[in-house]
Amino acid sequence: MSDTARDYQSTNAATTDGMEDLFDVVPTSADRSMADADIVATVNDSGSWVAVVDAASSLRKSERTIQRYAKCGKLRSKTDEFGRLLIWLPTIADNSITVTDHVATTADSNSGLTTSVGSVATIADSKINLETSANNQHLWNLLKEKDAKIEALLMRNGYLQAQMESSQETIKLLTDSQHKPGWWAKFSSWFFKGQ
């Protein structure tokens, strides 16, 4: 009975043995493909270091946004010898190859086959564009319907809030009138004040 709780506690402290296995990073195929994309981007990109003002005008963002992007690492940046912040702006390649260009310009011994394959690709692309524009129009219509429903719900919500406030005001007035003395108490107080 005289032993303290400290005497019954074990002295084994918690250990972190085996926790290293939880934090080991095993690269996946997605990580490898992202690493390859980074390598390609660093090998092929060319650009120049520009001031924040120029970067903001070319990226159509505010200067403050460009500074925040540079601070959090979304844009590559450095400071020059005067302490000004410089942003790396890569130049966009004018000779980007699309899928249809690649199909149309494939080196083939039969040039007629190449042109027909290119025209088939552009026809397929135009059909896809028509389908996507129809899908986009359908999505816009759905968005308009949702906006109309949201507006109706907001109006209903406002109406219900106004009704609730008016009922609460009525309840306040009711409780105030209950605390006031009735007409009989006022009348009788005239006669019984002096006694």
N, C-alpha and C. Protein backbone atom coordinates (compact mmCIF):
# COMPACT_ATOMS: atom_id res chain seq x y z
N MET A 1 0.81 -1.19 0.00
CA MET A 1 0.00 0.00 0.00
C MET A 1 0.85 1.25 0.00
N SER A 2 2.03 1.18 0.53
CA SER A 2 2.85 2.38 0.61
C SER A 2 3.68 2.60 -0.65
N ASP A 3 3.65 1.66 -1.62
CA ASP A 3 4.41 1.83 -2.85
C ASP A 3 3.73 2.88 -3.73
N THR A 4 4.55 3.68 -4.40
CA THR A 4 4.01 4.70 -5.29
C THR A 4 3.79 4.11 -6.68
N ALA A 5 3.06 4.83 -7.48
CA ALA A 5 2.79 4.37 -8.85
C ALA A 5 4.07 4.34 -9.67
N ARG A 6 5.02 5.16 -9.30
CA ARG A 6 6.28 5.21 -10.01
C ARG A 6 7.03 3.89 -9.86
N ASP A 7 6.85 3.22 -8.74
CA ASP A 7 7.53 1.96 -8.50
C ASP A 7 6.99 0.85 -9.40
N TYR A 8 5.76 0.95 -9.81
CA TYR A 8 5.15 -0.09 -10.63
C TYR A 8 5.37 0.11 -12.12
N GLN A 9 5.82 1.28 -12.53
CA GLN A 9 6.01 1.54 -13.96
C GLN A 9 7.27 0.87 -14.45
N SER A 10 7.18 0.38 -15.69
CA SER A 10 8.37 -0.24 -16.27
C SER A 10 9.29 0.86 -16.80
N THR A 11 10.55 0.58 -16.85
CA THR A 11 11.52 1.59 -17.30
C THR A 11 11.81 1.48 -18.78
N ASN A 12 11.13 0.58 -19.49
CA ASN A 12 11.37 0.43 -20.92
C ASN A 12 10.76 1.62 -21.65
N ALA A 13 11.60 2.38 -22.29
CA ALA A 13 11.12 3.54 -23.04
C ALA A 13 10.68 3.08 -24.44
N ALA A 14 9.85 3.84 -25.05
CA ALA A 14 9.40 3.52 -26.40
C ALA A 14 10.56 3.68 -27.37
N THR A 15 10.66 2.76 -28.30
CA THR A 15 11.75 2.81 -29.27
C THR A 15 11.20 3.04 -30.66
N THR A 16 12.06 3.44 -31.53
CA THR A 16 11.66 3.66 -32.93
C THR A 16 12.26 2.59 -33.84
N ASP A 17 12.55 1.43 -33.27
CA ASP A 17 13.10 0.35 -34.08
C ASP A 17 12.08 -0.09 -35.12
N GLY A 18 12.51 -0.22 -36.36
CA GLY A 18 11.63 -0.66 -37.43
C GLY A 18 10.89 0.46 -38.14
N MET A 19 11.03 1.68 -37.65
CA MET A 19 10.34 2.80 -38.29
C MET A 19 10.99 3.19 -39.61
N GLU A 20 12.25 2.83 -39.80
CA GLU A 20 12.94 3.18 -41.03
C GLU A 20 12.27 2.54 -42.24
N ASP A 21 11.73 1.33 -42.04
CA ASP A 21 11.07 0.63 -43.14
C ASP A 21 9.85 1.38 -43.63
N LEU A 22 9.17 2.07 -42.73
CA LEU A 22 7.99 2.83 -43.12
C LEU A 22 8.33 4.01 -44.00
N PHE A 23 9.50 4.59 -43.77
CA PHE A 23 9.85 5.82 -44.47
C PHE A 23 10.81 5.60 -45.63
N ASP A 24 11.12 4.35 -45.95
CA ASP A 24 11.94 4.08 -47.13
C ASP A 24 11.14 4.42 -48.37
N VAL A 25 11.76 5.11 -49.31
CA VAL A 25 11.10 5.50 -50.54
C VAL A 25 11.43 4.48 -51.61
N VAL A 26 10.40 3.86 -52.14
CA VAL A 26 10.56 2.92 -53.23
C VAL A 26 10.08 3.62 -54.49
N PRO A 27 10.97 3.84 -55.46
CA PRO A 27 10.53 4.56 -56.67
C PRO A 27 9.56 3.71 -57.48
N THR A 28 8.52 4.35 -57.96
CA THR A 28 7.53 3.68 -58.80
C THR A 28 7.75 4.09 -60.24
N SER A 29 7.00 3.48 -61.14
CA SER A 29 7.15 3.82 -62.55
C SER A 29 6.72 5.26 -62.81
N ALA A 30 5.73 5.76 -62.06
CA ALA A 30 5.30 7.15 -62.24
C ALA A 30 6.41 8.10 -61.82
N ASP A 31 7.14 7.75 -60.75
CA ASP A 31 8.25 8.58 -60.32
C ASP A 31 9.35 8.60 -61.37
N ARG A 32 9.60 7.44 -61.97
CA ARG A 32 10.64 7.39 -62.99
C ARG A 32 10.26 8.20 -64.22
N SER A 33 8.97 8.13 -64.62
CA SER A 33 8.56 8.90 -65.80
C SER A 33 8.61 10.38 -65.51
N MET A 34 8.28 10.79 -64.28
CA MET A 34 8.38 12.21 -63.93
C MET A 34 9.83 12.66 -63.92
N ALA A 35 10.72 11.78 -63.43
CA ALA A 35 12.13 12.13 -63.43
C ALA A 35 12.64 12.27 -64.85
N ASP A 36 12.20 11.37 -65.75
CA ASP A 36 12.59 11.48 -67.15
C ASP A 36 12.08 12.76 -67.76
N ALA A 37 10.85 13.16 -67.43
CA ALA A 37 10.30 14.40 -67.96
C ALA A 37 11.10 15.59 -67.46
N ASP A 38 11.56 15.54 -66.21
CA ASP A 38 12.38 16.63 -65.68
C ASP A 38 13.70 16.71 -66.42
N ILE A 39 14.29 15.54 -66.71
CA ILE A 39 15.55 15.53 -67.42
C ILE A 39 15.37 16.12 -68.81
N VAL A 40 14.31 15.73 -69.51
CA VAL A 40 14.06 16.25 -70.85
C VAL A 40 13.84 17.75 -70.79
N ALA A 41 13.12 18.21 -69.77
CA ALA A 41 12.83 19.63 -69.67
C ALA A 41 14.10 20.42 -69.42
N THR A 42 15.03 19.88 -68.61
CA THR A 42 16.24 20.63 -68.33
C THR A 42 17.21 20.57 -69.49
N VAL A 43 17.19 19.48 -70.26
CA VAL A 43 18.11 19.39 -71.38
C VAL A 43 17.65 20.29 -72.52
N ASN A 44 16.35 20.31 -72.81
CA ASN A 44 15.86 21.01 -73.99
C ASN A 44 15.45 22.45 -73.74
N ASP A 45 15.32 22.87 -72.49
CA ASP A 45 14.80 24.21 -72.31
C ASP A 45 15.89 25.25 -72.47
N SER A 46 15.51 26.34 -73.09
CA SER A 46 16.39 27.48 -73.23
C SER A 46 15.58 28.70 -72.86
N GLY A 47 16.21 29.66 -72.32
CA GLY A 47 15.49 30.85 -71.90
C GLY A 47 16.44 31.90 -71.42
N SER A 48 15.91 32.81 -70.61
CA SER A 48 16.75 33.89 -70.12
C SER A 48 16.27 34.31 -68.74
N TRP A 49 17.17 34.95 -68.03
CA TRP A 49 16.84 35.51 -66.72
C TRP A 49 16.29 36.90 -66.94
N VAL A 50 15.09 37.16 -66.42
CA VAL A 50 14.46 38.47 -66.59
C VAL A 50 14.05 39.01 -65.22
N ALA A 51 13.81 40.31 -65.18
CA ALA A 51 13.36 40.95 -63.95
C ALA A 51 11.92 40.54 -63.66
N VAL A 52 11.48 40.77 -62.43
CA VAL A 52 10.14 40.39 -62.00
C VAL A 52 9.08 41.11 -62.83
N VAL A 53 9.34 42.38 -63.15
CA VAL A 53 8.37 43.17 -63.93
C VAL A 53 8.16 42.55 -65.31
N ASP A 54 9.27 42.17 -65.96
CA ASP A 54 9.17 41.56 -67.29
C ASP A 54 8.51 40.19 -67.22
N ALA A 55 8.84 39.43 -66.19
CA ALA A 55 8.22 38.11 -66.03
C ALA A 55 6.73 38.25 -65.79
N ALA A 56 6.33 39.25 -65.01
CA ALA A 56 4.91 39.46 -64.73
C ALA A 56 4.17 39.84 -66.00
N SER A 57 4.78 40.68 -66.83
CA SER A 57 4.09 41.08 -68.06
C SER A 57 4.02 39.93 -69.06
N SER A 58 5.06 39.12 -69.15
CA SER A 58 5.02 38.03 -70.13
C SER A 58 4.14 36.88 -69.66
N LEU A 59 4.04 36.66 -68.34
CA LEU A 59 3.18 35.59 -67.83
C LEU A 59 1.77 36.07 -67.51
N ARG A 60 1.54 37.36 -67.65
CA ARG A 60 0.23 37.98 -67.39
C ARG A 60 -0.23 37.72 -65.96
N LYS A 61 0.69 37.91 -65.04
CA LYS A 61 0.41 37.80 -63.61
C LYS A 61 0.90 39.07 -62.94
N SER A 62 0.48 39.29 -61.70
CA SER A 62 0.97 40.45 -60.97
C SER A 62 2.39 40.19 -60.48
N GLU A 63 3.08 41.27 -60.16
CA GLU A 63 4.45 41.13 -59.68
C GLU A 63 4.49 40.36 -58.37
N ARG A 64 3.52 40.61 -57.52
CA ARG A 64 3.46 39.93 -56.23
C ARG A 64 3.27 38.42 -56.42
N THR A 65 2.44 38.05 -57.40
CA THR A 65 2.22 36.63 -57.68
C THR A 65 3.51 35.98 -58.16
N ILE A 66 4.25 36.67 -59.02
CA ILE A 66 5.52 36.14 -59.53
C ILE A 66 6.50 35.96 -58.37
N GLN A 67 6.54 36.93 -57.45
CA GLN A 67 7.43 36.81 -56.30
C GLN A 67 7.04 35.64 -55.41
N ARG A 68 5.73 35.43 -55.22
CA ARG A 68 5.28 34.29 -54.42
C ARG A 68 5.63 32.98 -55.11
N TYR A 69 5.43 32.91 -56.44
CA TYR A 69 5.79 31.70 -57.17
C TYR A 69 7.27 31.40 -57.03
N ALA A 70 8.10 32.44 -57.10
CA ALA A 70 9.54 32.24 -56.97
C ALA A 70 9.90 31.78 -55.57
N LYS A 71 9.22 32.34 -54.57
CA LYS A 71 9.52 31.98 -53.19
C LYS A 71 9.16 30.53 -52.89
N CYS A 72 8.01 30.07 -53.42
CA CYS A 72 7.60 28.70 -53.12
C CYS A 72 8.19 27.68 -54.09
N GLY A 73 8.93 28.13 -55.10
CA GLY A 73 9.63 27.21 -55.98
C GLY A 73 8.91 26.87 -57.26
N LYS A 74 7.79 27.52 -57.55
CA LYS A 74 7.09 27.24 -58.80
C LYS A 74 7.83 27.83 -59.99
N LEU A 75 8.58 28.89 -59.76
CA LEU A 75 9.41 29.49 -60.80
C LEU A 75 10.86 29.46 -60.34
N ARG A 76 11.75 29.20 -61.27
CA ARG A 76 13.17 29.20 -60.95
C ARG A 76 13.63 30.64 -60.83
N SER A 77 14.36 30.95 -59.78
CA SER A 77 14.75 32.34 -59.56
C SER A 77 16.14 32.41 -58.94
N LYS A 78 16.72 33.61 -59.03
CA LYS A 78 17.99 33.89 -58.38
C LYS A 78 18.07 35.39 -58.18
N THR A 79 19.03 35.83 -57.38
CA THR A 79 19.24 37.26 -57.20
C THR A 79 20.54 37.64 -57.89
N ASP A 80 20.56 38.84 -58.46
CA ASP A 80 21.77 39.30 -59.12
C ASP A 80 22.68 39.99 -58.11
N GLU A 81 23.77 40.57 -58.59
CA GLU A 81 24.74 41.19 -57.68
C GLU A 81 24.19 42.42 -56.97
N PHE A 82 23.10 43.01 -57.48
CA PHE A 82 22.50 44.17 -56.84
C PHE A 82 21.37 43.78 -55.88
N GLY A 83 21.08 42.49 -55.77
CA GLY A 83 20.03 42.02 -54.88
C GLY A 83 18.65 41.97 -55.51
N ARG A 84 18.57 42.20 -56.82
CA ARG A 84 17.27 42.13 -57.50
C ARG A 84 16.93 40.67 -57.80
N LEU A 85 15.65 40.37 -57.76
CA LEU A 85 15.18 39.02 -58.03
C LEU A 85 15.05 38.83 -59.54
N LEU A 86 15.65 37.78 -60.05
CA LEU A 86 15.56 37.44 -61.47
C LEU A 86 14.81 36.13 -61.62
N ILE A 87 13.97 36.05 -62.63
CA ILE A 87 13.14 34.88 -62.88
C ILE A 87 13.60 34.25 -64.19
N TRP A 88 13.68 32.92 -64.21
CA TRP A 88 14.05 32.20 -65.41
C TRP A 88 12.80 31.98 -66.24
N LEU A 89 12.78 32.54 -67.45
CA LEU A 89 11.66 32.33 -68.37
C LEU A 89 12.14 31.50 -69.54
N PRO A 90 11.67 30.27 -69.68
CA PRO A 90 12.07 29.46 -70.83
C PRO A 90 11.39 29.97 -72.09
N THR A 91 12.10 29.86 -73.20
CA THR A 91 11.49 30.25 -74.47
C THR A 91 10.71 29.07 -75.00
N ILE A 92 9.58 29.36 -75.60
CA ILE A 92 8.71 28.32 -76.14
C ILE A 92 9.20 27.97 -77.54
N ALA A 93 9.40 26.69 -77.77
CA ALA A 93 9.89 26.25 -79.08
C ALA A 93 8.81 26.42 -80.13
N ASP A 94 9.20 27.00 -81.26
CA ASP A 94 8.24 27.22 -82.34
C ASP A 94 8.00 25.96 -83.15
N ASN A 95 8.91 25.01 -83.07
CA ASN A 95 8.80 23.82 -83.90
C ASN A 95 8.27 22.63 -83.11
N SER A 96 7.21 22.84 -82.34
CA SER A 96 6.64 21.72 -81.60
C SER A 96 5.94 20.78 -82.56
N ILE A 97 6.07 19.49 -82.32
CA ILE A 97 5.52 18.48 -83.22
C ILE A 97 4.26 17.92 -82.58
N THR A 98 3.15 18.00 -83.30
CA THR A 98 1.92 17.40 -82.83
C THR A 98 1.79 16.02 -83.42
N VAL A 99 0.81 15.27 -82.97
CA VAL A 99 0.62 13.90 -83.44
C VAL A 99 0.29 13.89 -84.92
N THR A 100 -0.57 14.78 -85.37
CA THR A 100 -0.95 14.78 -86.79
C THR A 100 0.22 15.20 -87.66
N ASP A 101 1.05 16.15 -87.21
CA ASP A 101 2.23 16.53 -87.99
C ASP A 101 3.17 15.35 -88.12
N HIS A 102 3.33 14.60 -87.03
CA HIS A 102 4.24 13.46 -87.06
C HIS A 102 3.73 12.40 -88.03
N VAL A 103 2.44 12.16 -88.07
CA VAL A 103 1.88 11.17 -88.99
C VAL A 103 2.03 11.65 -90.42
N ALA A 104 1.80 12.93 -90.66
CA ALA A 104 1.83 13.45 -92.02
C ALA A 104 3.25 13.56 -92.55
N THR A 105 4.25 13.71 -91.72
CA THR A 105 5.61 13.92 -92.20
C THR A 105 6.50 12.71 -91.97
N THR A 106 5.95 11.56 -91.74
CA THR A 106 6.75 10.37 -91.53
C THR A 106 7.49 10.04 -92.82
N ALA A 107 8.77 9.74 -92.67
CA ALA A 107 9.57 9.41 -93.84
C ALA A 107 9.11 8.06 -94.37
N ASP A 108 8.51 8.09 -95.55
CA ASP A 108 7.97 6.88 -96.14
C ASP A 108 8.33 6.91 -97.62
N SER A 109 8.54 5.76 -98.20
CA SER A 109 8.92 5.73 -99.61
C SER A 109 7.76 6.14 -100.50
N ASN A 110 6.53 5.92 -100.05
CA ASN A 110 5.37 6.29 -100.84
C ASN A 110 4.80 7.60 -100.30
N SER A 111 5.02 8.70 -101.00
CA SER A 111 4.56 10.00 -100.51
C SER A 111 3.05 10.11 -100.56
N GLY A 112 2.38 9.41 -101.50
CA GLY A 112 0.92 9.43 -101.57
C GLY A 112 0.31 8.82 -100.33
N LEU A 113 0.93 7.76 -99.83
CA LEU A 113 0.46 7.13 -98.61
C LEU A 113 0.60 8.09 -97.42
N THR A 114 1.69 8.83 -97.40
CA THR A 114 1.91 9.79 -96.31
C THR A 114 0.84 10.87 -96.33
N THR A 115 0.52 11.39 -97.51
CA THR A 115 -0.49 12.46 -97.58
C THR A 115 -1.84 11.91 -97.19
N SER A 116 -2.19 10.71 -97.63
CA SER A 116 -3.50 10.18 -97.29
C SER A 116 -3.60 9.92 -95.79
N VAL A 117 -2.52 9.43 -95.19
CA VAL A 117 -2.53 9.21 -93.75
C VAL A 117 -2.69 10.54 -93.03
N GLY A 118 -2.01 11.58 -93.51
CA GLY A 118 -2.14 12.90 -92.90
C GLY A 118 -3.54 13.44 -93.02
N SER A 119 -4.18 13.25 -94.19
CA SER A 119 -5.54 13.77 -94.34
C SER A 119 -6.51 12.98 -93.48
N VAL A 120 -6.30 11.67 -93.34
CA VAL A 120 -7.16 10.88 -92.46
C VAL A 120 -7.02 11.36 -91.03
N ALA A 121 -5.81 11.68 -90.62
CA ALA A 121 -5.59 12.16 -89.26
C ALA A 121 -6.31 13.48 -89.04
N THR A 122 -6.27 14.38 -90.01
CA THR A 122 -6.94 15.68 -89.81
C THR A 122 -8.45 15.51 -89.82
N ILE A 123 -9.00 14.58 -90.63
CA ILE A 123 -10.44 14.34 -90.61
C ILE A 123 -10.85 13.77 -89.26
N ALA A 124 -10.06 12.83 -88.75
CA ALA A 124 -10.37 12.26 -87.44
C ALA A 124 -10.29 13.34 -86.36
N ASP A 125 -9.30 14.22 -86.48
CA ASP A 125 -9.18 15.31 -85.51
C ASP A 125 -10.38 16.24 -85.57
N SER A 126 -10.88 16.53 -86.78
CA SER A 126 -12.03 17.43 -86.88
C SER A 126 -13.28 16.77 -86.29
N LYS A 127 -13.43 15.45 -86.47
CA LYS A 127 -14.56 14.75 -85.86
C LYS A 127 -14.46 14.79 -84.33
N ILE A 128 -13.25 14.61 -83.83
CA ILE A 128 -13.05 14.67 -82.38
C ILE A 128 -13.36 16.07 -81.87
N ASN A 129 -12.95 17.09 -82.63
CA ASN A 129 -13.22 18.47 -82.22
C ASN A 129 -14.72 18.74 -82.19
N LEU A 130 -15.47 18.20 -83.18
CA LEU A 130 -16.92 18.40 -83.18
C LEU A 130 -17.56 17.70 -81.98
N GLU A 131 -17.08 16.50 -81.67
CA GLU A 131 -17.62 15.78 -80.52
C GLU A 131 -17.31 16.51 -79.22
N THR A 132 -16.10 17.01 -79.09
CA THR A 132 -15.75 17.72 -77.87
C THR A 132 -16.51 19.03 -77.75
N SER A 133 -16.75 19.71 -78.88
CA SER A 133 -17.53 20.95 -78.79
C SER A 133 -18.97 20.65 -78.40
N ALA A 134 -19.53 19.53 -78.90
CA ALA A 134 -20.89 19.15 -78.49
C ALA A 134 -20.91 18.79 -77.01
N ASN A 135 -19.89 18.07 -76.56
CA ASN A 135 -19.80 17.73 -75.14
C ASN A 135 -19.65 18.99 -74.29
N ASN A 136 -18.83 19.92 -74.77
CA ASN A 136 -18.64 21.17 -74.03
C ASN A 136 -19.94 21.95 -73.95
N GLN A 137 -20.70 21.99 -75.04
CA GLN A 137 -21.98 22.71 -75.03
C GLN A 137 -22.94 22.06 -74.02
N HIS A 138 -22.95 20.74 -74.00
CA HIS A 138 -23.79 20.02 -73.05
C HIS A 138 -23.37 20.35 -71.61
N LEU A 139 -22.06 20.39 -71.37
CA LEU A 139 -21.57 20.73 -70.04
C LEU A 139 -21.93 22.16 -69.66
N TRP A 140 -21.86 23.08 -70.63
CA TRP A 140 -22.24 24.47 -70.34
C TRP A 140 -23.72 24.55 -69.98
N ASN A 141 -24.55 23.79 -70.69
CA ASN A 141 -25.98 23.78 -70.36
C ASN A 141 -26.22 23.24 -68.96
N LEU A 142 -25.50 22.18 -68.60
CA LEU A 142 -25.63 21.63 -67.25
C LEU A 142 -25.19 22.65 -66.20
N LEU A 143 -24.10 23.37 -66.50
CA LEU A 143 -23.64 24.39 -65.56
C LEU A 143 -24.66 25.50 -65.39
N LYS A 144 -25.30 25.90 -66.49
CA LYS A 144 -26.33 26.95 -66.41
C LYS A 144 -27.50 26.47 -65.56
N GLU A 145 -27.90 25.21 -65.74
CA GLU A 145 -28.99 24.65 -64.93
C GLU A 145 -28.61 24.64 -63.45
N LYS A 146 -27.38 24.23 -63.16
CA LYS A 146 -26.93 24.20 -61.77
C LYS A 146 -26.91 25.61 -61.18
N ASP A 147 -26.44 26.59 -61.97
CA ASP A 147 -26.43 27.98 -61.48
C ASP A 147 -27.83 28.47 -61.18
N ALA A 148 -28.78 28.13 -62.05
CA ALA A 148 -30.17 28.55 -61.82
C ALA A 148 -30.72 27.90 -60.55
N LYS A 149 -30.41 26.62 -60.35
CA LYS A 149 -30.87 25.93 -59.14
C LYS A 149 -30.23 26.52 -57.89
N ILE A 150 -28.95 26.83 -57.97
CA ILE A 150 -28.26 27.42 -56.82
C ILE A 150 -28.86 28.78 -56.49
N GLU A 151 -29.14 29.58 -57.51
CA GLU A 151 -29.74 30.89 -57.28
C GLU A 151 -31.12 30.75 -56.64
N ALA A 152 -31.91 29.78 -57.12
CA ALA A 152 -33.24 29.56 -56.54
C ALA A 152 -33.12 29.12 -55.08
N LEU A 153 -32.16 28.26 -54.80
CA LEU A 153 -31.96 27.81 -53.42
C LEU A 153 -31.49 28.95 -52.52
N LEU A 154 -30.65 29.82 -53.05
CA LEU A 154 -30.20 30.97 -52.26
C LEU A 154 -31.36 31.90 -51.94
N MET A 155 -32.24 32.11 -52.93
CA MET A 155 -33.41 32.96 -52.69
C MET A 155 -34.32 32.32 -51.65
N ARG A 156 -34.53 31.02 -51.75
CA ARG A 156 -35.37 30.31 -50.79
C ARG A 156 -34.75 30.38 -49.39
N ASN A 157 -33.44 30.23 -49.33
CA ASN A 157 -32.74 30.31 -48.05
C ASN A 157 -32.91 31.70 -47.44
N GLY A 158 -32.80 32.74 -48.24
CA GLY A 158 -32.99 34.10 -47.75
C GLY A 158 -34.40 34.32 -47.25
N TYR A 159 -35.38 33.79 -47.98
CA TYR A 159 -36.78 33.91 -47.56
C TYR A 159 -37.01 33.22 -46.22
N LEU A 160 -36.46 32.01 -46.08
CA LEU A 160 -36.63 31.27 -44.83
C LEU A 160 -35.92 31.97 -43.66
N GLN A 161 -34.77 32.57 -43.93
CA GLN A 161 -34.09 33.31 -42.87
C GLN A 161 -34.91 34.51 -42.43
N ALA A 162 -35.53 35.21 -43.39
CA ALA A 162 -36.37 36.36 -43.04
C ALA A 162 -37.58 35.90 -42.22
N GLN A 163 -38.18 34.78 -42.59
CA GLN A 163 -39.31 34.25 -41.83
C GLN A 163 -38.88 33.88 -40.40
N MET A 164 -37.71 33.28 -40.28
CA MET A 164 -37.21 32.89 -38.97
C MET A 164 -36.95 34.12 -38.10
N GLU A 165 -36.36 35.16 -38.68
CA GLU A 165 -36.10 36.38 -37.91
C GLU A 165 -37.40 37.03 -37.46
N SER A 166 -38.40 37.06 -38.33
CA SER A 166 -39.68 37.67 -37.93
C SER A 166 -40.36 36.85 -36.83
N SER A 167 -40.25 35.53 -36.91
CA SER A 167 -40.85 34.70 -35.84
C SER A 167 -40.10 34.88 -34.53
N GLN A 168 -38.78 35.03 -34.60
CA GLN A 168 -38.02 35.27 -33.37
C GLN A 168 -38.38 36.62 -32.77
N GLU A 169 -38.61 37.63 -33.61
CA GLU A 169 -39.03 38.95 -33.12
C GLU A 169 -40.39 38.85 -32.45
N THR A 170 -41.29 38.06 -33.04
CA THR A 170 -42.61 37.86 -32.44
C THR A 170 -42.49 37.18 -31.08
N ILE A 171 -41.62 36.21 -30.99
CA ILE A 171 -41.41 35.51 -29.72
C ILE A 171 -40.86 36.46 -28.67
N LYS A 172 -39.93 37.34 -29.08
CA LYS A 172 -39.39 38.32 -28.13
C LYS A 172 -40.48 39.25 -27.63
N LEU A 173 -41.33 39.72 -28.55
CA LEU A 173 -42.42 40.61 -28.13
C LEU A 173 -43.39 39.88 -27.21
N LEU A 174 -43.65 38.61 -27.48
CA LEU A 174 -44.56 37.83 -26.65
C LEU A 174 -44.00 37.69 -25.23
N THR A 175 -42.72 37.38 -25.12
CA THR A 175 -42.14 37.23 -23.79
C THR A 175 -42.08 38.56 -23.07
N ASP A 176 -41.85 39.66 -23.78
CA ASP A 176 -41.85 40.98 -23.14
C ASP A 176 -43.23 41.31 -22.58
N SER A 177 -44.27 40.98 -23.34
CA SER A 177 -45.62 41.29 -22.86
C SER A 177 -46.01 40.39 -21.70
N GLN A 178 -45.42 39.22 -21.59
CA GLN A 178 -45.74 38.34 -20.47
C GLN A 178 -45.14 38.86 -19.17
N HIS A 179 -44.05 39.59 -19.24
CA HIS A 179 -43.42 40.10 -18.03
C HIS A 179 -44.07 41.39 -17.53
N LYS A 180 -44.86 42.03 -18.35
CA LYS A 180 -45.54 43.26 -17.92
C LYS A 180 -46.72 42.88 -17.02
N PRO A 181 -47.00 43.69 -16.02
CA PRO A 181 -48.16 43.38 -15.17
C PRO A 181 -49.46 43.55 -15.96
N GLY A 182 -50.44 42.72 -15.66
CA GLY A 182 -51.72 42.76 -16.35
C GLY A 182 -52.55 43.98 -15.96
N TRP A 183 -53.69 44.15 -16.62
CA TRP A 183 -54.53 45.33 -16.36
C TRP A 183 -55.14 45.29 -14.96
N TRP A 184 -55.42 44.08 -14.44
CA TRP A 184 -56.02 43.99 -13.11
C TRP A 184 -55.01 44.40 -12.04
N ALA A 185 -53.74 44.03 -12.25
CA ALA A 185 -52.71 44.42 -11.29
C ALA A 185 -52.51 45.92 -11.29
N LYS A 186 -52.56 46.55 -12.45
CA LYS A 186 -52.42 48.01 -12.52
C LYS A 186 -53.62 48.68 -11.83
N PHE A 187 -54.80 48.17 -12.10
CA PHE A 187 -56.01 48.77 -11.54
C PHE A 187 -56.04 48.63 -10.01
N SER A 188 -55.70 47.46 -9.55
CA SER A 188 -55.75 47.24 -8.10
C SER A 188 -54.64 47.99 -7.38
N SER A 189 -53.54 48.26 -8.07
CA SER A 189 -52.45 48.99 -7.42
C SER A 189 -52.84 50.43 -7.11
N TRP A 190 -53.81 50.99 -7.82
CA TRP A 190 -54.27 52.35 -7.53
C TRP A 190 -54.95 52.40 -6.17
N PHE A 191 -55.67 51.35 -5.85
CA PHE A 191 -56.45 51.36 -4.61
C PHE A 191 -55.65 50.89 -3.41
N PHE A 192 -54.71 50.00 -3.62
CA PHE A 192 -54.01 49.40 -2.49
C PHE A 192 -52.63 49.99 -2.24
N LYS A 193 -52.26 51.08 -2.91
CA LYS A 193 -50.95 51.68 -2.70
C LYS A 193 -50.81 52.26 -1.30
N GLY A 194 -51.80 52.91 -0.88
CA GLY A 194 -51.71 53.61 0.40
C GLY A 194 -51.76 52.68 1.60
N GLN A 195 -52.18 51.47 1.46
CA GLN A 195 -52.36 50.60 2.63
C GLN A 195 -51.17 49.77 2.94
